[in-house]
Amino acid sequence: MTHPLWSNWSLWQANPARFDTVCYKELIVTGTNASVPEAWPRALELLRLGLVKSEAMVSGIWPLQDWQDAFAKVQEKGALKVLMA
């Protein structure tokens, strides 16, 4: 029996896994999310009511063509959340 390989797909850490290996070896990739879909309408309602101050969470707004700069800012831990418009 083989042991599973665990890999963290995060902007904060390097990722040792390769997508071509996933395809060639027919590996199974499983993702996770830190919230449940039922929480999303409630979160949107709290934002709409002004009960959550989202401005404090967004570190900056970048034009879409500057996405690499926005990603670099997150990778160097210089931003919590970035908005690309």
C-alpha atoms as a PDB file:
ATOM      1  CA  MET A   1       0.000   0.000   0.000  1.00  0.00           C
ATOM      2  CA  THR A   2       1.328   3.433  -0.875  1.00  0.00           C
ATOM      3  CA  HIS A   3       1.154   6.388   1.428  1.00  0.00           C
ATOM      4  CA  PRO A   4      -0.589   9.589   0.358  1.00  0.00           C
ATOM      5  CA  LEU A   5       1.450  12.684  -0.429  1.00  0.00           C
ATOM      6  CA  TRP A   6       0.226  15.796   1.342  1.00  0.00           C
ATOM      7  CA  SER A   7       0.851  19.176  -0.201  1.00  0.00           C
ATOM      8  CA  ASN A   8      -0.192  22.620   0.943  1.00  0.00           C
ATOM      9  CA  TRP A   9      -1.472  24.727  -1.976  1.00  0.00           C
ATOM     10  CA  SER A  10      -1.069  28.106  -0.385  1.00  0.00           C
ATOM     11  CA  LEU A  11       0.163  31.526  -1.412  1.00  0.00           C
ATOM     12  CA  TRP A  12       2.217  31.537   1.780  1.00  0.00           C
ATOM     13  CA  GLN A  13       4.302  28.425   1.078  1.00  0.00           C
ATOM     14  CA  ALA A  14       6.128  26.875  -1.841  1.00  0.00           C
ATOM     15  CA  ASN A  15       4.347  23.961  -3.459  1.00  0.00           C
ATOM     16  CA  PRO A  16       6.382  20.856  -4.281  1.00  0.00           C
ATOM     17  CA  ALA A  17       3.619  19.062  -6.238  1.00  0.00           C
ATOM     18  CA  ARG A  18       3.469  19.215 -10.033  1.00  0.00           C
ATOM     19  CA  PHE A  19       0.305  19.115 -12.127  1.00  0.00           C
ATOM     20  CA  ASP A  20       1.880  16.925 -14.821  1.00  0.00           C
ATOM     21  CA  THR A  21       2.537  14.294 -12.147  1.00  0.00           C
ATOM     22  CA  VAL A  22      -1.115  14.468 -11.122  1.00  0.00           C
ATOM     23  CA  CYS A  23      -2.149  13.791 -14.737  1.00  0.00           C
ATOM     24  CA  TYR A  24       0.411  11.126 -15.602  1.00  0.00           C
ATOM     25  CA  LYS A  25      -0.017   9.180 -12.390  1.00  0.00           C
ATOM     26  CA  GLU A  26      -3.820   9.690 -12.361  1.00  0.00           C
ATOM     27  CA  LEU A  27      -3.642  11.007  -8.809  1.00  0.00           C
ATOM     28  CA  ILE A  28      -6.647  12.207  -6.877  1.00  0.00           C
ATOM     29  CA  VAL A  29      -6.535  15.859  -5.789  1.00  0.00           C
ATOM     30  CA  THR A  30      -8.809  16.939  -2.960  1.00  0.00           C
ATOM     31  CA  GLY A  31      -9.437  20.555  -2.020  1.00  0.00           C
ATOM     32  CA  THR A  32     -10.814  22.202   1.082  1.00  0.00           C
ATOM     33  CA  ASN A  33     -12.473  25.463   1.968  1.00  0.00           C
ATOM     34  CA  ALA A  34     -12.469  27.152   5.358  1.00  0.00           C
ATOM     35  CA  SER A  35     -16.191  27.952   5.227  1.00  0.00           C
ATOM     36  CA  VAL A  36     -19.481  26.309   4.355  1.00  0.00           C
ATOM     37  CA  PRO A  37     -21.772  27.634   1.607  1.00  0.00           C
ATOM     38  CA  GLU A  38     -24.543  28.253   4.141  1.00  0.00           C
ATOM     39  CA  ALA A  39     -22.350  30.925   5.780  1.00  0.00           C
ATOM     40  CA  TRP A  40     -22.035  33.029   2.613  1.00  0.00           C
ATOM     41  CA  PRO A  41     -25.550  34.598   2.592  1.00  0.00           C
ATOM     42  CA  ARG A  42     -25.135  35.522   6.253  1.00  0.00           C
ATOM     43  CA  ALA A  43     -21.737  37.101   5.573  1.00  0.00           C
ATOM     44  CA  LEU A  44     -23.164  39.107   2.665  1.00  0.00           C
ATOM     45  CA  GLU A  45     -26.039  40.282   4.850  1.00  0.00           C
ATOM     46  CA  LEU A  46     -23.640  41.412   7.582  1.00  0.00           C
ATOM     47  CA  LEU A  47     -21.654  43.340   4.955  1.00  0.00           C
ATOM     48  CA  ARG A  48     -24.834  44.891   3.549  1.00  0.00           C
ATOM     49  CA  LEU A  49     -25.894  46.027   7.016  1.00  0.00           C
ATOM     50  CA  GLY A  50     -22.479  47.568   7.646  1.00  0.00           C
ATOM     51  CA  LEU A  51     -21.825  45.293  10.616  1.00  0.00           C
ATOM     52  CA  VAL A  52     -18.529  44.066   9.149  1.00  0.00           C
ATOM     53  CA  LYS A  53     -15.896  46.638   8.243  1.00  0.00           C
ATOM     54  CA  SER A  54     -14.417  45.052   5.135  1.00  0.00           C
ATOM     55  CA  GLU A  55     -12.154  48.039   4.422  1.00  0.00           C
ATOM     56  CA  ALA A  56      -9.872  46.904   7.246  1.00  0.00           C
ATOM     57  CA  MET A  57      -9.453  43.492   5.580  1.00  0.00           C
ATOM     58  CA  VAL A  58      -8.562  44.717   2.077  1.00  0.00           C
ATOM     59  CA  SER A  59      -4.947  45.828   1.871  1.00  0.00           C
ATOM     60  CA  GLY A  60      -5.215  47.392  -1.565  1.00  0.00           C
ATOM     61  CA  ILE A  61      -6.893  47.536  -4.940  1.00  0.00           C
ATOM     62  CA  TRP A  62      -4.947  46.638  -8.083  1.00  0.00           C
ATOM     63  CA  PRO A  63      -5.976  46.901 -11.728  1.00  0.00           C
ATOM     64  CA  LEU A  64      -6.460  43.442 -13.215  1.00  0.00           C
ATOM     65  CA  GLN A  65      -3.454  43.843 -15.518  1.00  0.00           C
ATOM     66  CA  ASP A  66      -1.255  44.311 -12.391  1.00  0.00           C
ATOM     67  CA  TRP A  67      -2.248  40.942 -10.915  1.00  0.00           C
ATOM     68  CA  GLN A  68       1.395  39.879 -10.561  1.00  0.00           C
ATOM     69  CA  ASP A  69       2.100  42.861  -8.290  1.00  0.00           C
ATOM     70  CA  ALA A  70      -0.950  42.012  -6.169  1.00  0.00           C
ATOM     71  CA  PHE A  71       0.118  38.358  -5.845  1.00  0.00           C
ATOM     72  CA  ALA A  72       3.679  39.405  -4.961  1.00  0.00           C
ATOM     73  CA  LYS A  73       2.334  41.655  -2.202  1.00  0.00           C
ATOM     74  CA  VAL A  74       0.427  38.724  -0.690  1.00  0.00           C
ATOM     75  CA  GLN A  75       3.368  36.332  -1.056  1.00  0.00           C
ATOM     76  CA  GLU A  76       5.701  38.687   0.797  1.00  0.00           C
ATOM     77  CA  LYS A  77       3.017  38.925   3.512  1.00  0.00           C
ATOM     78  CA  GLY A  78       2.598  42.630   2.811  1.00  0.00           C
ATOM     79  CA  ALA A  79      -1.156  42.256   2.327  1.00  0.00           C
ATOM     80  CA  LEU A  80      -3.968  40.327   3.962  1.00  0.00           C
ATOM     81  CA  LYS A  81      -6.459  40.511   1.091  1.00  0.00           C
ATOM     82  CA  VAL A  82      -6.083  42.148  -2.299  1.00  0.00           C
ATOM     83  CA  LEU A  83      -8.831  43.295  -4.613  1.00  0.00           C
ATOM     84  CA  MET A  84      -8.301  43.235  -8.358  1.00  0.00           C
ATOM     85  CA  ALA A  85     -10.705  45.247 -10.474  1.00  0.00           C
END
